[in-house]
C-alpha atoms as a PDB file:
ATOM      1  CA  MET A   1       8.812 145.743 -94.504  1.00  0.00           C
ATOM      2  CA  SER A   2       8.233 149.374 -96.070  1.00  0.00           C
ATOM      3  CA  ILE A   3       6.273 151.211 -98.134  1.00  0.00           C
ATOM      4  CA  GLN A   4       5.966 150.756-102.021  1.00  0.00           C
ATOM      5  CA  GLU A   5       4.998 153.176-104.438  1.00  0.00           C
ATOM      6  CA  ILE A   6       1.481 152.409-105.626  1.00  0.00           C
ATOM      7  CA  ARG A   7       0.793 152.065-109.857  1.00  0.00           C
ATOM      8  CA  LEU A   8      -1.542 154.831-111.038  1.00  0.00           C
ATOM      9  CA  PHE A   9      -3.814 154.306-114.615  1.00  0.00           C
ATOM     10  CA  GLY A  10      -2.086 153.706-117.844  1.00  0.00           C
ATOM     11  CA  ASP A  11       0.480 150.482-116.676  1.00  0.00           C
ATOM     12  CA  PRO A  12      -0.174 147.830-117.751  1.00  0.00           C
ATOM     13  CA  VAL A  13       0.067 145.778-114.305  1.00  0.00           C
ATOM     14  CA  LEU A  14      -3.197 147.002-113.187  1.00  0.00           C
ATOM     15  CA  LEU A  15      -5.068 145.293-116.646  1.00  0.00           C
ATOM     16  CA  THR A  16      -3.341 141.616-116.194  1.00  0.00           C
ATOM     17  CA  PRO A  17      -4.712 139.177-113.948  1.00  0.00           C
ATOM     18  CA  ALA A  18      -2.779 138.135-111.109  1.00  0.00           C
ATOM     19  CA  ALA A  19      -1.597 134.675-110.784  1.00  0.00           C
ATOM     20  CA  PRO A  20      -2.699 132.551-108.045  1.00  0.00           C
ATOM     21  CA  VAL A  21      -0.468 132.621-105.041  1.00  0.00           C
ATOM     22  CA  VAL A  22       1.222 128.707-103.940  1.00  0.00           C
ATOM     23  CA  ASP A  23       3.902 129.621-101.836  1.00  0.00           C
ATOM     24  CA  PHE A  24       3.383 130.787 -98.017  1.00  0.00           C
ATOM     25  CA  ASP A  25       6.430 131.729 -97.181  1.00  0.00           C
ATOM     26  CA  LYS A  26       8.447 134.658 -95.680  1.00  0.00           C
ATOM     27  CA  GLU A  27       8.489 136.449 -98.723  1.00  0.00           C
ATOM     28  CA  LEU A  28       4.552 136.225 -98.923  1.00  0.00           C
ATOM     29  CA  ARG A  29       4.127 137.391 -95.598  1.00  0.00           C
ATOM     30  CA  ASN A  30       6.677 140.451 -96.033  1.00  0.00           C
ATOM     31  CA  LEU A  31       4.352 141.450 -99.010  1.00  0.00           C
ATOM     32  CA  VAL A  32       1.217 141.306 -97.055  1.00  0.00           C
ATOM     33  CA  ALA A  33       3.176 143.694 -94.782  1.00  0.00           C
ATOM     34  CA  ASP A  34       4.355 145.312 -97.438  1.00  0.00           C
ATOM     35  CA  LEU A  35       0.775 146.075 -98.843  1.00  0.00           C
ATOM     36  CA  THR A  36      -0.450 146.909 -95.039  1.00  0.00           C
ATOM     37  CA  GLU A  37       1.753 149.894 -95.038  1.00  0.00           C
ATOM     38  CA  THR A  38       1.486 151.019 -98.314  1.00  0.00           C
ATOM     39  CA  MET A  39      -2.607 151.653 -97.579  1.00  0.00           C
ATOM     40  CA  LEU A  40      -1.981 152.673 -93.990  1.00  0.00           C
ATOM     41  CA  ASP A  41       0.358 155.787 -95.099  1.00  0.00           C
ATOM     42  CA  ALA A  42      -1.831 156.211 -99.082  1.00  0.00           C
ATOM     43  CA  PRO A  43      -4.202 156.346 -96.635  1.00  0.00           C
ATOM     44  CA  GLY A  44      -6.352 154.155 -98.457  1.00  0.00           C
ATOM     45  CA  ALA A  45      -9.368 151.554 -97.131  1.00  0.00           C
ATOM     46  CA  GLY A  46      -7.865 148.555 -99.290  1.00  0.00           C
ATOM     47  CA  LEU A  47      -4.736 147.655-101.388  1.00  0.00           C
ATOM     48  CA  ALA A  48      -3.822 145.366-104.191  1.00  0.00           C
ATOM     49  CA  ALA A  49      -0.417 143.170-104.820  1.00  0.00           C
ATOM     50  CA  PRO A  50      -0.791 144.431-109.027  1.00  0.00           C
ATOM     51  CA  GLN A  51      -1.009 148.907-107.637  1.00  0.00           C
ATOM     52  CA  ILE A  52       2.406 147.765-106.129  1.00  0.00           C
ATOM     53  CA  GLY A  53       3.680 145.820-108.787  1.00  0.00           C
ATOM     54  CA  VAL A  54       3.369 142.271-107.839  1.00  0.00           C
ATOM     55  CA  PRO A  55       0.929 140.248-109.704  1.00  0.00           C
ATOM     56  CA  LEU A  56      -0.437 137.930-107.335  1.00  0.00           C
ATOM     57  CA  ARG A  57      -3.969 137.286-106.302  1.00  0.00           C
ATOM     58  CA  VAL A  58      -3.295 138.929-102.909  1.00  0.00           C
ATOM     59  CA  PHE A  59      -5.055 142.300-101.329  1.00  0.00           C
ATOM     60  CA  THR A  60      -5.553 144.224 -97.860  1.00  0.00           C
ATOM     61  CA  TRP A  61      -7.977 146.419 -96.525  1.00  0.00           C
ATOM     62  CA  ILE A  62      -8.721 148.432 -93.772  1.00  0.00           C
ATOM     63  CA  VAL A  63     -12.561 149.192 -92.802  1.00  0.00           C
ATOM     64  CA  GLU A  64     -13.880 150.533 -89.865  1.00  0.00           C
ATOM     65  CA  GLU A  65     -10.539 149.948 -88.091  1.00  0.00           C
ATOM     66  CA  GLU A  66     -10.550 146.305 -88.573  1.00  0.00           C
ATOM     67  CA  LEU A  67      -7.292 145.386 -90.791  1.00  0.00           C
ATOM     68  CA  GLY A  68      -7.670 142.369 -92.923  1.00  0.00           C
ATOM     69  CA  HIS A  69      -5.342 140.392 -95.913  1.00  0.00           C
ATOM     70  CA  LEU A  70      -6.723 137.748 -98.068  1.00  0.00           C
ATOM     71  CA  ILE A  71      -4.720 135.602-100.202  1.00  0.00           C
ATOM     72  CA  ASN A  72      -6.953 133.424-103.427  1.00  0.00           C
ATOM     73  CA  PRO A  73      -9.775 135.326-102.590  1.00  0.00           C
ATOM     74  CA  VAL A  74     -13.088 133.593-104.043  1.00  0.00           C
ATOM     75  CA  LEU A  75     -16.611 135.424-103.768  1.00  0.00           C
ATOM     76  CA  ASP A  76     -20.036 134.702-102.858  1.00  0.00           C
ATOM     77  CA  LEU A  77     -22.443 138.070-104.663  1.00  0.00           C
ATOM     78  CA  GLY A  78     -25.152 138.974-102.988  1.00  0.00           C
ATOM     79  CA  SER A  79     -28.877 139.624-104.900  1.00  0.00           C
ATOM     80  CA  GLU A  80     -28.990 142.931-103.963  1.00  0.00           C
ATOM     81  CA  THR A  81     -26.903 145.898-104.920  1.00  0.00           C
ATOM     82  CA  GLU A  82     -26.419 149.415-104.430  1.00  0.00           C
ATOM     83  CA  ASP A  83     -24.683 152.478-106.400  1.00  0.00           C
ATOM     84  CA  ASP A  84     -22.003 154.259-103.870  1.00  0.00           C
ATOM     85  CA  GLU A  85     -19.132 156.635-104.363  1.00  0.00           C
ATOM     86  CA  GLU A  86     -16.126 154.728-104.930  1.00  0.00           C
ATOM     87  CA  GLY A  87     -12.099 156.078-105.997  1.00  0.00           C
ATOM     88  CA  CYS A  88      -9.428 153.855-105.616  1.00  0.00           C
ATOM     89  CA  LEU A  89      -5.429 154.601-104.813  1.00  0.00           C
ATOM     90  CA  SER A  90      -4.728 153.984-108.970  1.00  0.00           C
ATOM     91  CA  PHE A  91      -7.032 156.504-109.889  1.00  0.00           C
ATOM     92  CA  PRO A  92      -5.705 160.094-107.473  1.00  0.00           C
ATOM     93  CA  GLU A  93      -8.933 162.287-106.689  1.00  0.00           C
ATOM     94  CA  LEU A  94     -11.398 160.354-108.813  1.00  0.00           C
ATOM     95  CA  ARG A  95     -14.632 158.888-107.225  1.00  0.00           C
ATOM     96  CA  TYR A  96     -17.574 157.819-108.740  1.00  0.00           C
ATOM     97  CA  ASN A  97     -20.648 156.471-108.240  1.00  0.00           C
ATOM     98  CA  THR A  98     -20.239 152.316-108.967  1.00  0.00           C
ATOM     99  CA  PRO A  99     -22.325 149.746-108.629  1.00  0.00           C
ATOM    100  CA  ARG A 100     -21.075 146.781-105.875  1.00  0.00           C
ATOM    101  CA  SER A 101     -23.402 144.042-104.814  1.00  0.00           C
ATOM    102  CA  LEU A 102     -24.488 145.014-100.652  1.00  0.00           C
ATOM    103  CA  GLN A 103     -23.694 141.672 -99.391  1.00  0.00           C
ATOM    104  CA  VAL A 104     -20.343 139.560-100.607  1.00  0.00           C
ATOM    105  CA  VAL A 105     -19.141 136.206 -98.536  1.00  0.00           C
ATOM    106  CA  ALA A 106     -15.225 136.088 -99.721  1.00  0.00           C
ATOM    107  CA  LYS A 107     -13.248 132.702 -99.239  1.00  0.00           C
ATOM    108  CA  GLY A 108      -9.601 132.289 -99.159  1.00  0.00           C
ATOM    109  CA  PHE A 109      -6.466 132.248 -97.406  1.00  0.00           C
ATOM    110  CA  ASN A 110      -4.510 134.367 -94.683  1.00  0.00           C
ATOM    111  CA  MET A 111      -0.832 134.710 -95.198  1.00  0.00           C
ATOM    112  CA  PHE A 112       0.053 131.195 -93.350  1.00  0.00           C
ATOM    113  CA  GLY A 113      -1.831 129.172 -96.148  1.00  0.00           C
ATOM    114  CA  GLU A 114      -4.481 128.659 -93.685  1.00  0.00           C
ATOM    115  CA  PRO A 115      -8.608 129.063 -95.281  1.00  0.00           C
ATOM    116  CA  ILE A 116     -10.698 132.290 -93.976  1.00  0.00           C
ATOM    117  CA  VAL A 117     -14.004 132.742 -94.577  1.00  0.00           C
ATOM    118  CA  VAL A 118     -14.825 137.220 -94.829  1.00  0.00           C
ATOM    119  CA  GLU A 119     -18.346 138.220 -94.948  1.00  0.00           C
ATOM    120  CA  GLY A 120     -18.754 141.849 -95.742  1.00  0.00           C
ATOM    121  CA  THR A 121     -21.737 144.242 -96.325  1.00  0.00           C
ATOM    122  CA  GLU A 122     -22.189 148.256 -97.036  1.00  0.00           C
ATOM    123  CA  PHE A 123     -18.496 149.650 -97.501  1.00  0.00           C
ATOM    124  CA  LEU A 124     -16.399 146.178 -96.965  1.00  0.00           C
ATOM    125  CA  ALA A 125     -18.850 144.086 -99.285  1.00  0.00           C
ATOM    126  CA  ARG A 126     -17.512 146.796-101.500  1.00  0.00           C
ATOM    127  CA  ALA A 127     -13.577 147.139-100.081  1.00  0.00           C
ATOM    128  CA  LEU A 128     -13.882 143.332-100.717  1.00  0.00           C
ATOM    129  CA  GLN A 129     -15.128 143.645-104.343  1.00  0.00           C
ATOM    130  CA  HIS A 130     -12.836 146.667-105.678  1.00  0.00           C
ATOM    131  CA  GLU A 131      -9.649 144.943-104.549  1.00  0.00           C
ATOM    132  CA  THR A 132     -11.258 140.974-106.293  1.00  0.00           C
ATOM    133  CA  ASP A 133     -11.802 143.116-109.478  1.00  0.00           C
ATOM    134  CA  HIS A 134      -7.808 144.355-109.107  1.00  0.00           C
ATOM    135  CA  LEU A 135      -6.481 140.801-109.287  1.00  0.00           C
ATOM    136  CA  ASP A 136      -9.095 140.167-112.618  1.00  0.00           C
ATOM    137  CA  GLY A 137      -7.361 143.099-114.298  1.00  0.00           C
ATOM    138  CA  ILE A 138     -10.590 144.892-113.452  1.00  0.00           C
ATOM    139  CA  LEU A 139     -10.815 148.594-112.400  1.00  0.00           C
ATOM    140  CA  PHE A 140     -13.434 150.126-110.539  1.00  0.00           C
ATOM    141  CA  ILE A 141     -14.425 152.676-114.046  1.00  0.00           C
ATOM    142  CA  ASP A 142     -14.655 149.404-115.662  1.00  0.00           C
ATOM    143  CA  ARG A 143     -17.200 149.087-113.603  1.00  0.00           C
ATOM    144  CA  LEU A 144     -19.856 152.294-114.439  1.00  0.00           C
ATOM    145  CA  SER A 145     -22.221 153.459-116.958  1.00  0.00           C
ATOM    146  CA  PRO A 146     -20.844 153.823-119.980  1.00  0.00           C
ATOM    147  CA  GLU A 147     -22.040 157.858-118.990  1.00  0.00           C
ATOM    148  CA  ASN A 148     -19.431 158.053-116.003  1.00  0.00           C
ATOM    149  CA  ARG A 149     -16.255 156.637-117.737  1.00  0.00           C
ATOM    150  CA  LYS A 150     -16.829 158.886-120.545  1.00  0.00           C
ATOM    151  CA  LEU A 151     -16.769 161.398-117.713  1.00  0.00           C
ATOM    152  CA  ALA A 152     -13.843 159.603-115.506  1.00  0.00           C
ATOM    153  CA  MET A 153     -11.427 159.429-118.782  1.00  0.00           C
ATOM    154  CA  LYS A 154     -11.829 163.142-119.985  1.00  0.00           C
ATOM    155  CA  GLU A 155     -11.113 163.289-115.745  1.00  0.00           C
ATOM    156  CA  ILE A 156      -8.445 161.737-116.054  1.00  0.00           C
ATOM    157  CA  ARG A 157      -6.979 162.463-119.448  1.00  0.00           C
ATOM    158  CA  GLU A 158      -7.221 166.649-118.074  1.00  0.00           C
ATOM    159  CA  SER A 159      -5.747 164.812-114.635  1.00  0.00           C
ATOM    160  CA  GLU A 160      -2.290 166.450-113.182  1.00  0.00           C
ATOM    161  CA  TRP A 161      -1.103 162.790-112.360  1.00  0.00           C
ATOM    162  CA  PHE A 162      -2.131 161.314-115.719  1.00  0.00           C
ATOM    163  CA  ASN A 163      -0.342 163.713-117.896  1.00  0.00           C
ATOM    164  CA  LEU A 164       3.035 163.953-115.775  1.00  0.00           C
ATOM    165  CA  GLN A 165       2.970 160.349-116.053  1.00  0.00           C
ATOM    166  CA  ASN A 166       2.688 160.294-119.707  1.00  0.00           C
ATOM    167  CA  GLU A 167       5.717 163.081-119.822  1.00  0.00           C
ATOM    168  CA  SER A 168       8.209 161.692-118.005  1.00  0.00           C
ATOM    169  CA  GLY A 169       7.898 158.879-120.453  1.00  0.00           C
ATOM    170  CA  ASN A 170       8.580 156.435-117.826  1.00  0.00           C
ATOM    171  CA  THR A 171       7.569 152.696-119.117  1.00  0.00           C
ATOM    172  CA  PRO A 172       6.517 151.224-115.869  1.00  0.00           C
ATOM    173  CA  LYS A 173       7.832 147.807-115.487  1.00  0.00           C
ATOM    174  CA  ILE A 174       5.863 144.402-113.744  1.00  0.00           C
ATOM    175  CA  LYS A 175       7.621 143.557-110.761  1.00  0.00           C
ATOM    176  CA  GLU A 176       9.566 140.117-110.678  1.00  0.00           C
ATOM    177  CA  SER A 177       7.142 137.645-108.403  1.00  0.00           C
ATOM    178  CA  PRO A 178      10.041 135.646-106.348  1.00  0.00           C
ATOM    179  CA  HIS A 179       7.283 133.291-106.940  1.00  0.00           C
ATOM    180  CA  THR A 180       6.616 129.855-109.436  1.00  0.00           C
ATOM    181  CA  ILE A 181       3.662 131.832-111.760  1.00  0.00           C
ATOM    182  CA  PHE A 182       3.970 128.981-114.092  1.00  0.00           C
ATOM    183  CA  GLY A 183       6.143 129.277-115.282  1.00  0.00           C
ATOM    184  CA  ARG A 184       5.679 133.448-116.253  1.00  0.00           C
ATOM    185  CA  ASN A 185       8.322 134.833-113.998  1.00  0.00           C
ATOM    186  CA  THR A 186      11.016 132.139-115.179  1.00  0.00           C
END
């Protein structure tokens, strides 16, 4: 397994809804290992497959030293919400108060295809919601108030990482998945 490049804001893979995982095989286990290793190296509290260029519904997290992963998540959100500081590995050094539910029940599968349920509150709930948003092509800046989104976009445009990315002229590439994703990779 290896540390992968984390895609930054501006890469189209971050805005594209990810395909459900249908094959629970060695390739998927390798993807979970790559996500975990990359997340821990960054370091981050979570990392979704699209953030390393793989358009599949998979993410990992580490909250309070508890490591986990979830495949094909479905969330049931609690009604109580809070605004708290949030950041993202695809937006280096950008942090804004973002509204999220305080409680969540996430249902999905582990890398072996076994059903799992993860119940989270506070920071774990925030991480599960943030990473599931990535799988739906939603970025945390999309959840900001109009005023904060405007400030965030200004900060992004002025950031060194965004300007270096634009100056390089490299068009980001979406990594082809070895998994069947409804004919989109064949």
